[in-house]
PDB file of N, CA and C in Angstrom:
ATOM      1  N   MET A   1      13.257 -12.924   1.853  1.00  0.00           N
ATOM      2  CA  MET A   1      13.207 -14.338   3.320  1.00  0.00           C
ATOM      3  C   MET A   1      11.443 -14.601   3.177  1.00  0.00           C
ATOM      4  N   GLY A   2      11.092 -15.270   3.057  1.00  0.00           N
ATOM      5  CA  GLY A   2       9.252 -15.861   3.031  1.00  0.00           C
ATOM      6  C   GLY A   2       9.013 -15.827   4.575  1.00  0.00           C
ATOM      7  N   LYS A   3       7.775 -15.406   4.848  1.00  0.00           N
ATOM      8  CA  LYS A   3       7.326 -15.731   6.095  1.00  0.00           C
ATOM      9  C   LYS A   3       7.100 -17.603   6.368  1.00  0.00           C
ATOM     10  N   GLU A   4       7.964 -18.039   7.088  1.00  0.00           N
ATOM     11  CA  GLU A   4       7.681 -19.504   7.208  1.00  0.00           C
ATOM     12  C   GLU A   4       7.154 -19.734   9.093  1.00  0.00           C
ATOM     13  N   LYS A   5       6.129 -20.333   9.233  1.00  0.00           N
ATOM     14  CA  LYS A   5       5.424 -20.569  10.383  1.00  0.00           C
ATOM     15  C   LYS A   5       6.728 -21.448  10.821  1.00  0.00           C
ATOM     16  N   ALA A   6       7.054 -20.846  12.099  1.00  0.00           N
ATOM     17  CA  ALA A   6       7.678 -22.037  13.153  1.00  0.00           C
ATOM     18  C   ALA A   6       6.858 -22.955  13.891  1.00  0.00           C
ATOM     19  N   PRO A   7       7.948 -24.394  14.366  1.00  0.00           N
ATOM     20  CA  PRO A   7       7.268 -25.158  14.554  1.00  0.00           C
ATOM     21  C   PRO A   7       6.787 -25.191  15.960  1.00  0.00           C
ATOM     22  N   ALA A   8       5.736 -25.709  16.696  1.00  0.00           N
ATOM     23  CA  ALA A   8       4.946 -25.318  17.638  1.00  0.00           C
ATOM     24  C   ALA A   8       6.135 -25.779  19.184  1.00  0.00           C
ATOM     25  N   GLY A   9       5.616 -24.933  19.679  1.00  0.00           N
ATOM     26  CA  GLY A   9       6.881 -25.543  21.145  1.00  0.00           C
ATOM     27  C   GLY A   9       8.112 -25.102  21.269  1.00  0.00           C
ATOM     28  N   ARG A  10       8.678 -24.006  19.765  1.00  0.00           N
ATOM     29  CA  ARG A  10       9.981 -23.836  19.691  1.00  0.00           C
ATOM     30  C   ARG A  10      10.248 -22.684  20.683  1.00  0.00           C
ATOM     31  N   LEU A  11      11.565 -22.567  21.750  1.00  0.00           N
ATOM     32  CA  LEU A  11      12.000 -21.608  21.823  1.00  0.00           C
ATOM     33  C   LEU A  11      13.450 -20.862  20.907  1.00  0.00           C
ATOM     34  N   ASP A  12      12.810 -19.736  20.530  1.00  0.00           N
ATOM     35  CA  ASP A  12      13.913 -19.033  19.433  1.00  0.00           C
ATOM     36  C   ASP A  12      14.624 -17.701  20.119  1.00  0.00           C
ATOM     37  N   THR A  13      14.089 -17.176  21.231  1.00  0.00           N
ATOM     38  CA  THR A  13      14.798 -16.152  21.784  1.00  0.00           C
ATOM     39  C   THR A  13      14.749 -15.752  23.374  1.00  0.00           C
ATOM     40  N   ILE A  14      16.012 -15.790  23.817  1.00  0.00           N
ATOM     41  CA  ILE A  14      15.689 -15.737  25.476  1.00  0.00           C
ATOM     42  C   ILE A  14      16.198 -14.073  25.669  1.00  0.00           C
ATOM     43  N   VAL A  15      15.848 -13.348  26.611  1.00  0.00           N
ATOM     44  CA  VAL A  15      16.163 -12.383  27.096  1.00  0.00           C
ATOM     45  C   VAL A  15      16.664 -12.392  28.756  1.00  0.00           C
ATOM     46  N   GLY A  16      17.668 -12.599  28.635  1.00  0.00           N
ATOM     47  CA  GLY A  16      18.516 -13.026  30.228  1.00  0.00           C
ATOM     48  C   GLY A  16      17.805 -12.016  31.232  1.00  0.00           C
ATOM     49  N   GLY A  17      18.638 -12.436  32.600  1.00  0.00           N
ATOM     50  CA  GLY A  17      17.896 -11.889  33.318  1.00  0.00           C
ATOM     51  C   GLY A  17      18.470 -10.358  34.166  1.00  0.00           C
ATOM     52  N   GLU A  18      19.565  -9.929  33.450  1.00  0.00           N
ATOM     53  CA  GLU A  18      20.242  -8.856  33.447  1.00  0.00           C
ATOM     54  C   GLU A  18      20.135  -7.761  32.285  1.00  0.00           C
ATOM     55  N   THR A  19      19.385  -8.306  31.272  1.00  0.00           N
ATOM     56  CA  THR A  19      19.060  -7.555  30.116  1.00  0.00           C
ATOM     57  C   THR A  19      18.150  -6.631  30.377  1.00  0.00           C
ATOM     58  N   VAL A  20      17.900  -5.497  29.413  1.00  0.00           N
ATOM     59  CA  VAL A  20      16.690  -4.320  29.678  1.00  0.00           C
ATOM     60  C   VAL A  20      16.581  -4.008  28.463  1.00  0.00           C
ATOM     61  N   PHE A  21      15.602  -4.208  27.605  1.00  0.00           N
ATOM     62  CA  PHE A  21      15.327  -3.799  26.174  1.00  0.00           C
ATOM     63  C   PHE A  21      14.177  -2.849  26.587  1.00  0.00           C
ATOM     64  N   LYS A  22      14.122  -1.756  25.288  1.00  0.00           N
ATOM     65  CA  LYS A  22      13.237  -1.097  25.142  1.00  0.00           C
ATOM     66  C   LYS A  22      12.798  -0.842  23.427  1.00  0.00           C
ATOM     67  N   GLY A  23      12.022  -1.088  23.215  1.00  0.00           N
ATOM     68  CA  GLY A  23      11.433  -1.470  21.825  1.00  0.00           C
ATOM     69  C   GLY A  23      10.357  -2.451  21.538  1.00  0.00           C
ATOM     70  N   ASP A  24      10.172  -2.258  20.355  1.00  0.00           N
ATOM     71  CA  ASP A  24       8.987  -3.323  20.030  1.00  0.00           C
ATOM     72  C   ASP A  24       9.917  -4.457  19.144  1.00  0.00           C
ATOM     73  N   CYS A  25       9.177  -5.698  19.052  1.00  0.00           N
ATOM     74  CA  CYS A  25       9.909  -7.111  19.091  1.00  0.00           C
ATOM     75  C   CYS A  25       8.911  -7.675  18.512  1.00  0.00           C
ATOM     76  N   ARG A  26       9.220  -8.834  16.971  1.00  0.00           N
ATOM     77  CA  ARG A  26       8.455  -9.926  16.491  1.00  0.00           C
ATOM     78  C   ARG A  26       8.974 -11.009  16.767  1.00  0.00           C
ATOM     79  N   ILE A  27       8.749 -12.271  17.360  1.00  0.00           N
ATOM     80  CA  ILE A  27       9.649 -12.877  17.307  1.00  0.00           C
ATOM     81  C   ILE A  27       8.564 -14.232  16.429  1.00  0.00           C
ATOM     82  N   ASN A  28       9.217 -15.353  15.598  1.00  0.00           N
ATOM     83  CA  ASN A  28       8.692 -16.333  15.380  1.00  0.00           C
ATOM     84  C   ASN A  28       9.179 -17.645  15.580  1.00  0.00           C
ATOM     85  N   GLY A  29       8.215 -17.539  16.412  1.00  0.00           N
ATOM     86  CA  GLY A  29       8.733 -18.860  17.610  1.00  0.00           C
ATOM     87  C   GLY A  29       8.495 -18.241  19.012  1.00  0.00           C
ATOM     88  N   GLY A  30       8.819 -18.952  20.249  1.00  0.00           N
ATOM     89  CA  GLY A  30       8.404 -18.423  21.075  1.00  0.00           C
ATOM     90  C   GLY A  30      10.042 -18.183  21.916  1.00  0.00           C
ATOM     91  N   MET A  31       9.471 -17.210  23.134  1.00  0.00           N
ATOM     92  CA  MET A  31      10.369 -16.518  23.694  1.00  0.00           C
ATOM     93  C   MET A  31      10.640 -16.881  24.953  1.00  0.00           C
ATOM     94  N   ARG A  32      11.410 -16.867  26.115  1.00  0.00           N
ATOM     95  CA  ARG A  32      11.712 -16.665  27.158  1.00  0.00           C
ATOM     96  C   ARG A  32      12.257 -15.257  27.715  1.00  0.00           C
ATOM     97  N   LEU A  33      11.394 -14.770  28.677  1.00  0.00           N
ATOM     98  CA  LEU A  33      12.066 -13.354  29.305  1.00  0.00           C
ATOM     99  C   LEU A  33      12.329 -13.678  30.899  1.00  0.00           C
ATOM    100  N   ASP A  34      13.905 -13.434  30.939  1.00  0.00           N
ATOM    101  CA  ASP A  34      13.619 -13.251  32.278  1.00  0.00           C
ATOM    102  C   ASP A  34      14.729 -11.889  33.147  1.00  0.00           C
ATOM    103  N   GLY A  35      14.356 -11.116  32.039  1.00  0.00           N
ATOM    104  CA  GLY A  35      15.214  -9.584  31.836  1.00  0.00           C
ATOM    105  C   GLY A  35      13.831  -8.742  32.088  1.00  0.00           C
ATOM    106  N   GLN A  36      14.127  -7.185  31.545  1.00  0.00           N
ATOM    107  CA  GLN A  36      13.040  -6.351  31.677  1.00  0.00           C
ATOM    108  C   GLN A  36      12.564  -5.824  30.119  1.00  0.00           C
ATOM    109  N   VAL A  37      11.371  -5.536  29.541  1.00  0.00           N
ATOM    110  CA  VAL A  37      11.509  -5.616  28.178  1.00  0.00           C
ATOM    111  C   VAL A  37      10.186  -4.181  28.509  1.00  0.00           C
ATOM    112  N   GLU A  38      10.440  -3.214  27.927  1.00  0.00           N
ATOM    113  CA  GLU A  38       9.233  -1.943  27.595  1.00  0.00           C
ATOM    114  C   GLU A  38       9.232  -1.549  26.332  1.00  0.00           C
ATOM    115  N   GLY A  39       7.599  -2.579  25.729  1.00  0.00           N
ATOM    116  CA  GLY A  39       7.840  -2.081  24.356  1.00  0.00           C
ATOM    117  C   GLY A  39       6.523  -3.382  23.480  1.00  0.00           C
ATOM    118  N   ARG A  40       5.815  -3.101  22.938  1.00  0.00           N
ATOM    119  CA  ARG A  40       4.798  -4.372  22.053  1.00  0.00           C
ATOM    120  C   ARG A  40       5.983  -5.758  21.788  1.00  0.00           C
ATOM    121  N   ILE A  41       5.496  -6.683  22.046  1.00  0.00           N
ATOM    122  CA  ILE A  41       6.210  -7.762  21.717  1.00  0.00           C
ATOM    123  C   ILE A  41       4.964  -8.918  21.043  1.00  0.00           C
ATOM    124  N   ASP A  42       5.462  -9.227  20.060  1.00  0.00           N
ATOM    125  CA  ASP A  42       4.586 -10.369  19.091  1.00  0.00           C
ATOM    126  C   ASP A  42       5.367 -11.524  18.745  1.00  0.00           C
ATOM    127  N   VAL A  43       4.693 -12.227  19.396  1.00  0.00           N
ATOM    128  CA  VAL A  43       5.432 -13.945  19.560  1.00  0.00           C
ATOM    129  C   VAL A  43       4.358 -14.976  18.942  1.00  0.00           C
ATOM    130  N   SER A  44       5.032 -15.419  17.749  1.00  0.00           N
ATOM    131  CA  SER A  44       4.301 -16.184  17.188  1.00  0.00           C
ATOM    132  C   SER A  44       3.785 -17.965  17.537  1.00  0.00           C
ATOM    133  N   ASP A  45       4.483 -17.954  18.921  1.00  0.00           N
ATOM    134  CA  ASP A  45       4.145 -19.034  19.326  1.00  0.00           C
ATOM    135  C   ASP A  45       4.039 -19.173  21.405  1.00  0.00           C
ATOM    136  N   THR A  46       4.878 -19.198  22.162  1.00  0.00           N
ATOM    137  CA  THR A  46       4.492 -19.394  23.254  1.00  0.00           C
ATOM    138  C   THR A  46       5.468 -18.483  23.922  1.00  0.00           C
ATOM    139  N   LEU A  47       4.991 -17.477  25.010  1.00  0.00           N
ATOM    140  CA  LEU A  47       5.689 -16.199  25.766  1.00  0.00           C
ATOM    141  C   LEU A  47       5.962 -17.096  26.887  1.00  0.00           C
ATOM    142  N   LEU A  48       7.468 -17.159  27.656  1.00  0.00           N
ATOM    143  CA  LEU A  48       7.265 -17.803  28.777  1.00  0.00           C
ATOM    144  C   LEU A  48       8.207 -16.416  29.640  1.00  0.00           C
ATOM    145  N   THR A  49       7.479 -15.870  30.792  1.00  0.00           N
ATOM    146  CA  THR A  49       8.416 -15.060  31.716  1.00  0.00           C
ATOM    147  C   THR A  49       8.580 -15.898  32.875  1.00  0.00           C
ATOM    148  N   GLY A  50       9.440 -15.520  33.134  1.00  0.00           N
ATOM    149  CA  GLY A  50      10.218 -15.971  34.621  1.00  0.00           C
ATOM    150  C   GLY A  50       9.817 -14.943  35.658  1.00  0.00           C
ATOM    151  N   PRO A  51       9.867 -15.708  36.931  1.00  0.00           N
ATOM    152  CA  PRO A  51       9.706 -14.788  38.116  1.00  0.00           C
ATOM    153  C   PRO A  51      10.053 -13.428  38.540  1.00  0.00           C
ATOM    154  N   ARG A  52      11.434 -13.112  37.948  1.00  0.00           N
ATOM    155  CA  ARG A  52      11.805 -11.766  38.044  1.00  0.00           C
ATOM    156  C   ARG A  52      11.788 -11.211  37.178  1.00  0.00           C
ATOM    157  N   SER A  53      10.719 -11.294  35.793  1.00  0.00           N
ATOM    158  CA  SER A  53      11.008 -10.842  34.645  1.00  0.00           C
ATOM    159  C   SER A  53       9.716  -9.337  34.933  1.00  0.00           C
ATOM    160  N   PHE A  54       9.967  -8.632  34.139  1.00  0.00           N
ATOM    161  CA  PHE A  54       9.018  -7.207  34.097  1.00  0.00           C
ATOM    162  C   PHE A  54       9.501  -6.515  32.601  1.00  0.00           C
ATOM    163  N   LEU A  55       7.371  -6.690  32.484  1.00  0.00           N
ATOM    164  CA  LEU A  55       7.379  -6.539  30.979  1.00  0.00           C
ATOM    165  C   LEU A  55       5.973  -5.089  30.995  1.00  0.00           C
ATOM    166  N   LYS A  56       6.727  -3.866  30.325  1.00  0.00           N
ATOM    167  CA  LYS A  56       5.573  -3.310  30.510  1.00  0.00           C
ATOM    168  C   LYS A  56       5.260  -3.121  28.997  1.00  0.00           C
ATOM    169  N   GLY A  57       4.186  -2.897  28.352  1.00  0.00           N
ATOM    170  CA  GLY A  57       3.607  -2.810  27.051  1.00  0.00           C
ATOM    171  C   GLY A  57       2.755  -4.279  26.672  1.00  0.00           C
ATOM    172  N   GLU A  58       2.664  -4.275  25.174  1.00  0.00           N
ATOM    173  CA  GLU A  58       1.271  -5.339  24.679  1.00  0.00           C
ATOM    174  C   GLU A  58       1.640  -6.070  24.627  1.00  0.00           C
ATOM    175  N   VAL A  59       1.041  -6.922  24.690  1.00  0.00           N
ATOM    176  CA  VAL A  59       1.727  -8.553  24.194  1.00  0.00           C
ATOM    177  C   VAL A  59       0.849  -9.423  23.562  1.00  0.00           C
ATOM    178  N   HIS A  60       0.762  -9.574  22.349  1.00  0.00           N
ATOM    179  CA  HIS A  60       0.377 -10.739  21.066  1.00  0.00           C
ATOM    180  C   HIS A  60       1.317 -12.136  21.101  1.00  0.00           C
ATOM    181  N   CYS A  61       0.585 -12.909  21.280  1.00  0.00           N
ATOM    182  CA  CYS A  61       1.188 -14.680  21.465  1.00  0.00           C
ATOM    183  C   CYS A  61       0.070 -15.627  20.790  1.00  0.00           C
ATOM    184  N   ARG A  62       0.410 -16.723  21.157  1.00  0.00           N
ATOM    185  CA  ARG A  62      -0.246 -17.988  20.570  1.00  0.00           C
ATOM    186  C   ARG A  62      -0.643 -17.968  22.209  1.00  0.00           C
ATOM    187  N   SER A  63       0.285 -18.353  23.114  1.00  0.00           N
ATOM    188  CA  SER A  63       0.533 -18.744  24.455  1.00  0.00           C
ATOM    189  C   SER A  63       1.179 -18.007  25.179  1.00  0.00           C
ATOM    190  N   ALA A  64       0.683 -18.046  26.429  1.00  0.00           N
ATOM    191  CA  ALA A  64       1.834 -17.247  27.792  1.00  0.00           C
ATOM    192  C   ALA A  64       1.563 -17.926  29.050  1.00  0.00           C
ATOM    193  N   VAL A  65       2.645 -18.295  29.604  1.00  0.00           N
ATOM    194  CA  VAL A  65       2.673 -18.749  30.758  1.00  0.00           C
ATOM    195  C   VAL A  65       3.605 -17.360  31.564  1.00  0.00           C
ATOM    196  N   ILE A  66       2.914 -16.550  32.563  1.00  0.00           N
ATOM    197  CA  ILE A  66       3.567 -15.879  33.217  1.00  0.00           C
ATOM    198  C   ILE A  66       3.634 -15.848  34.359  1.00  0.00           C
ATOM    199  N   ALA A  67       4.855 -15.646  35.213  1.00  0.00           N
ATOM    200  CA  ALA A  67       5.707 -15.863  36.630  1.00  0.00           C
ATOM    201  C   ALA A  67       6.347 -14.804  37.058  1.00  0.00           C
ATOM    202  N   GLY A  68       6.474 -13.805  36.084  1.00  0.00           N
ATOM    203  CA  GLY A  68       6.904 -12.359  36.548  1.00  0.00           C
ATOM    204  C   GLY A  68       5.771 -11.584  36.272  1.00  0.00           C
ATOM    205  N   ARG A  69       5.942  -9.952  36.216  1.00  0.00           N
ATOM    206  CA  ARG A  69       5.428  -8.586  36.184  1.00  0.00           C
ATOM    207  C   ARG A  69       5.028  -8.526  35.368  1.00  0.00           C
ATOM    208  N   VAL A  70       3.924  -8.055  34.591  1.00  0.00           N
ATOM    209  CA  VAL A  70       3.363  -7.883  33.305  1.00  0.00           C
ATOM    210  C   VAL A  70       2.573  -6.600  33.664  1.00  0.00           C
ATOM    211  N   GLU A  71       2.918  -5.131  32.771  1.00  0.00           N
ATOM    212  CA  GLU A  71       2.151  -4.263  32.695  1.00  0.00           C
ATOM    213  C   GLU A  71       1.698  -3.873  31.519  1.00  0.00           C
ATOM    214  N   GLY A  72       0.514  -4.298  31.346  1.00  0.00           N
ATOM    215  CA  GLY A  72      -0.076  -3.985  29.792  1.00  0.00           C
ATOM    216  C   GLY A  72      -1.396  -5.269  29.414  1.00  0.00           C
ATOM    217  N   ASN A  73      -1.539  -5.224  28.291  1.00  0.00           N
ATOM    218  CA  ASN A  73      -2.537  -6.104  27.930  1.00  0.00           C
ATOM    219  C   ASN A  73      -2.010  -7.374  26.653  1.00  0.00           C
ATOM    220  N   VAL A  74      -2.761  -8.154  27.232  1.00  0.00           N
ATOM    221  CA  VAL A  74      -1.905  -9.461  26.686  1.00  0.00           C
ATOM    222  C   VAL A  74      -3.390 -10.022  26.015  1.00  0.00           C
ATOM    223  N   PHE A  75      -2.807 -10.361  24.828  1.00  0.00           N
ATOM    224  CA  PHE A  75      -3.750 -10.704  23.493  1.00  0.00           C
ATOM    225  C   PHE A  75      -3.376 -12.483  23.165  1.00  0.00           C
ATOM    226  N   ALA A  76      -3.917 -13.164  23.699  1.00  0.00           N
ATOM    227  CA  ALA A  76      -3.390 -14.739  23.046  1.00  0.00           C
ATOM    228  C   ALA A  76      -4.524 -15.351  22.658  1.00  0.00           C
ATOM    229  N   THR A  77      -4.135 -16.330  21.251  1.00  0.00           N
ATOM    230  CA  THR A  77      -5.456 -16.671  20.760  1.00  0.00           C
ATOM    231  C   THR A  77      -5.412 -18.020  21.126  1.00  0.00           C
ATOM    232  N   GLU A  78      -5.234 -18.359  22.074  1.00  0.00           N
ATOM    233  CA  GLU A  78      -4.859 -19.935  22.924  1.00  0.00           C
ATOM    234  C   GLU A  78      -5.008 -19.377  24.382  1.00  0.00           C
ATOM    235  N   THR A  79      -4.174 -20.191  24.953  1.00  0.00           N
ATOM    236  CA  THR A  79      -4.285 -20.259  26.866  1.00  0.00           C
ATOM    237  C   THR A  79      -3.240 -18.918  27.238  1.00  0.00           C
ATOM    238  N   VAL A  80      -3.505 -18.553  28.324  1.00  0.00           N
ATOM    239  CA  VAL A  80      -2.671 -17.547  29.645  1.00  0.00           C
ATOM    240  C   VAL A  80      -3.007 -18.151  30.639  1.00  0.00           C
ATOM    241  N   GLU A  81      -1.785 -18.662  31.512  1.00  0.00           N
ATOM    242  CA  GLU A  81      -1.436 -19.023  32.732  1.00  0.00           C
ATOM    243  C   GLU A  81      -0.654 -18.100  33.661  1.00  0.00           C
ATOM    244  N   LEU A  82      -1.237 -17.630  34.430  1.00  0.00           N
ATOM    245  CA  LEU A  82      -0.313 -17.097  35.542  1.00  0.00           C
ATOM    246  C   LEU A  82       0.122 -17.822  36.707  1.00  0.00           C
ATOM    247  N   GLN A  83       1.278 -18.332  36.771  1.00  0.00           N
ATOM    248  CA  GLN A  83       2.055 -19.124  37.847  1.00  0.00           C
ATOM    249  C   GLN A  83       2.034 -17.980  39.120  1.00  0.00           C
ATOM    250  N   THR A  84       2.326 -18.795  40.492  1.00  0.00           N
ATOM    251  CA  THR A  84       2.106 -18.435  41.664  1.00  0.00           C
ATOM    252  C   THR A  84       3.089 -17.476  41.614  1.00  0.00           C
ATOM    253  N   GLY A  85       3.052 -16.633  42.330  1.00  0.00           N
ATOM    254  CA  GLY A  85       4.141 -15.203  42.514  1.00  0.00           C
ATOM    255  C   GLY A  85       3.913 -14.007  40.863  1.00  0.00           C
ATOM    256  N   ALA A  86       2.968 -14.613  40.004  1.00  0.00           N
ATOM    257  CA  ALA A  86       2.715 -14.096  38.650  1.00  0.00           C
ATOM    258  C   ALA A  86       1.814 -12.275  39.322  1.00  0.00           C
ATOM    259  N   GLN A  87       2.379 -11.654  38.489  1.00  0.00           N
ATOM    260  CA  GLN A  87       1.464 -10.080  38.701  1.00  0.00           C
ATOM    261  C   GLN A  87       1.252  -9.585  37.566  1.00  0.00           C
ATOM    262  N   VAL A  88      -0.067  -9.387  37.289  1.00  0.00           N
ATOM    263  CA  VAL A  88      -0.460  -8.827  35.857  1.00  0.00           C
ATOM    264  C   VAL A  88      -1.580  -7.921  36.207  1.00  0.00           C
ATOM    265  N   PHE A  89      -1.032  -6.020  35.546  1.00  0.00           N
ATOM    266  CA  PHE A  89      -1.645  -5.081  35.295  1.00  0.00           C
ATOM    267  C   PHE A  89      -2.228  -4.727  33.960  1.00  0.00           C
ATOM    268  N   GLY A  90      -3.291  -5.549  34.244  1.00  0.00           N
ATOM    269  CA  GLY A  90      -3.923  -5.081  32.673  1.00  0.00           C
ATOM    270  C   GLY A  90      -4.836  -6.248  32.176  1.00  0.00           C
ATOM    271  N   ASN A  91      -5.759  -5.845  30.669  1.00  0.00           N
ATOM    272  CA  ASN A  91      -6.768  -6.648  30.085  1.00  0.00           C
ATOM    273  C   ASN A  91      -6.212  -8.163  29.383  1.00  0.00           C
ATOM    274  N   ILE A  92      -6.890  -9.436  29.772  1.00  0.00           N
ATOM    275  CA  ILE A  92      -6.365 -10.406  29.156  1.00  0.00           C
ATOM    276  C   ILE A  92      -7.461 -10.909  28.271  1.00  0.00           C
ATOM    277  N   THR A  93      -6.772 -11.184  26.838  1.00  0.00           N
ATOM    278  CA  THR A  93      -8.027 -11.797  25.706  1.00  0.00           C
ATOM    279  C   THR A  93      -7.426 -12.741  25.504  1.00  0.00           C
ATOM    280  N   CYS A  94      -7.992 -13.976  25.890  1.00  0.00           N
ATOM    281  CA  CYS A  94      -7.858 -15.198  25.453  1.00  0.00           C
ATOM    282  C   CYS A  94      -8.988 -16.701  25.121  1.00  0.00           C
ATOM    283  N   ARG A  95      -8.555 -17.564  25.246  1.00  0.00           N
ATOM    284  CA  ARG A  95      -9.534 -18.720  24.969  1.00  0.00           C
ATOM    285  C   ARG A  95      -9.582 -19.688  26.253  1.00  0.00           C
ATOM    286  N   GLY A  96      -8.535 -19.428  26.778  1.00  0.00           N
ATOM    287  CA  GLY A  96      -8.422 -20.130  28.471  1.00  0.00           C
ATOM    288  C   GLY A  96      -7.790 -19.401  29.185  1.00  0.00           C
ATOM    289  N   LEU A  97      -8.278 -19.288  30.659  1.00  0.00           N
ATOM    290  CA  LEU A  97      -7.410 -18.700  31.449  1.00  0.00           C
ATOM    291  C   LEU A  97      -7.232 -19.693  32.477  1.00  0.00           C
ATOM    292  N   ILE A  98      -5.866 -19.941  33.501  1.00  0.00           N
ATOM    293  CA  ILE A  98      -5.702 -20.525  34.128  1.00  0.00           C
ATOM    294  C   ILE A  98      -4.984 -19.374  35.100  1.00  0.00           C
ATOM    295  N   ILE A  99      -5.348 -19.631  36.417  1.00  0.00           N
ATOM    296  CA  ILE A  99      -5.030 -18.680  37.398  1.00  0.00           C
ATOM    297  C   ILE A  99      -3.972 -19.288  38.810  1.00  0.00           C
ATOM    298  N   GLN A 100      -3.110 -19.953  39.104  1.00  0.00           N
ATOM    299  CA  GLN A 100      -2.527 -20.480  40.033  1.00  0.00           C
ATOM    300  C   GLN A 100      -2.440 -19.811  41.375  1.00  0.00           C
ATOM    301  N   PRO A 101      -3.188 -20.611  42.261  1.00  0.00           N
ATOM    302  CA  PRO A 101      -2.547 -19.337  44.166  1.00  0.00           C
ATOM    303  C   PRO A 101      -1.750 -19.039  43.766  1.00  0.00           C
ATOM    304  N   GLY A 102      -1.810 -17.460  44.785  1.00  0.00           N
ATOM    305  CA  GLY A 102      -0.897 -16.695  44.791  1.00  0.00           C
ATOM    306  C   GLY A 102      -0.555 -15.572  43.598  1.00  0.00           C
ATOM    307  N   CYS A 103      -1.386 -15.367  42.846  1.00  0.00           N
ATOM    308  CA  CYS A 103      -0.745 -14.466  41.634  1.00  0.00           C
ATOM    309  C   CYS A 103      -2.008 -13.159  41.820  1.00  0.00           C
ATOM    310  N   PHE A 104      -1.291 -12.429  41.261  1.00  0.00           N
ATOM    311  CA  PHE A 104      -2.036 -10.778  41.202  1.00  0.00           C
ATOM    312  C   PHE A 104      -2.796 -10.229  39.889  1.00  0.00           C
ATOM    313  N   PHE A 105      -3.946 -10.333  39.461  1.00  0.00           N
ATOM    314  CA  PHE A 105      -4.704 -10.249  38.296  1.00  0.00           C
ATOM    315  C   PHE A 105      -5.331  -8.711  38.812  1.00  0.00           C
ATOM    316  N   GLU A 106      -5.153  -7.486  38.121  1.00  0.00           N
ATOM    317  CA  GLU A 106      -6.102  -6.453  38.252  1.00  0.00           C
ATOM    318  C   GLU A 106      -6.275  -6.128  36.397  1.00  0.00           C
ATOM    319  N   GLY A 107      -7.247  -6.447  36.274  1.00  0.00           N
ATOM    320  CA  GLY A 107      -7.703  -6.210  35.005  1.00  0.00           C
ATOM    321  C   GLY A 107      -9.214  -6.948  34.472  1.00  0.00           C
ATOM    322  N   SER A 108      -9.575  -7.132  33.152  1.00  0.00           N
ATOM    323  CA  SER A 108     -10.602  -7.800  33.222  1.00  0.00           C
ATOM    324  C   SER A 108     -10.073  -8.998  32.237  1.00  0.00           C
ATOM    325  N   CYS A 109     -10.715 -10.023  31.693  1.00  0.00           N
ATOM    326  CA  CYS A 109     -10.501 -10.867  30.872  1.00  0.00           C
ATOM    327  C   CYS A 109     -11.670 -11.240  29.949  1.00  0.00           C
ATOM    328  N   SER A 110     -11.595 -10.988  28.442  1.00  0.00           N
ATOM    329  CA  SER A 110     -12.628 -11.331  27.807  1.00  0.00           C
ATOM    330  C   SER A 110     -12.322 -13.255  27.114  1.00  0.00           C
ATOM    331  N   MET A 111     -13.082 -13.902  26.908  1.00  0.00           N
ATOM    332  CA  MET A 111     -12.649 -15.406  26.241  1.00  0.00           C
ATOM    333  C   MET A 111     -13.517 -15.058  25.135  1.00  0.00           C
ATOM    334  N   VAL A 112     -12.419 -15.802  24.022  1.00  0.00           N
ATOM    335  CA  VAL A 112     -12.596 -15.639  22.932  1.00  0.00           C
ATOM    336  C   VAL A 112     -13.311 -17.436  22.671  1.00  0.00           C
ATOM    337  N   ARG A 113     -14.405 -17.173  21.955  1.00  0.00           N
ATOM    338  CA  ARG A 113     -14.932 -18.869  21.228  1.00  0.00           C
ATOM    339  C   ARG A 113     -13.894 -19.213  20.456  1.00  0.00           C
ATOM    340  N   GLU A 114     -14.160 -20.943  20.397  1.00  0.00           N
ATOM    341  CA  GLU A 114     -13.373 -21.241  19.586  1.00  0.00           C
ATOM    342  C   GLU A 114     -14.041 -21.536  18.400  1.00  0.00           C
ATOM    343  N   ASP A 115     -13.595 -20.999  16.963  1.00  0.00           N
ATOM    344  CA  ASP A 115     -14.760 -21.553  15.569  1.00  0.00           C
ATOM    345  C   ASP A 115     -15.210 -22.484  15.301  1.00  0.00           C
ATOM    346  N   THR A 116     -16.165 -22.593  15.307  1.00  0.00           N
ATOM    347  CA  THR A 116     -17.323 -24.114  15.292  1.00  0.00           C
ATOM    348  C   THR A 116     -17.463 -24.370  13.984  1.00  0.00           C
ATOM    349  N   ASP A 117     -17.121 -23.601  12.555  1.00  0.00           N
ATOM    350  CA  ASP A 117     -17.216 -23.795  11.221  1.00  0.00           C
ATOM    351  C   ASP A 117     -16.134 -24.660  10.850  1.00  0.00           C
TER     352      ASP A 117
END
């Protein structure tokens, strides 16, 4: 099976609110998290976390929209948005950071410049 790039904006994986998952996972496409995950997550597109979600581990993605609790570093090649009620305990590396009112962020943010070549 070859590595094919998923179309942008595609939601391939949903972790439901009653689901608890321990381990690393790699998603070719987008992911919605409403449950609990402990481990590294690699998402080729967008990671969406619901308000009751809990993620403990490192995240690598194209972009992230976080509404729940994340304990770990977030690495996004594009943007990270913290929605109202989000709690992030870890460092964020991205090209753009959006923080809505009512969030808690404990960590540092490193902004990556776009390639000008």
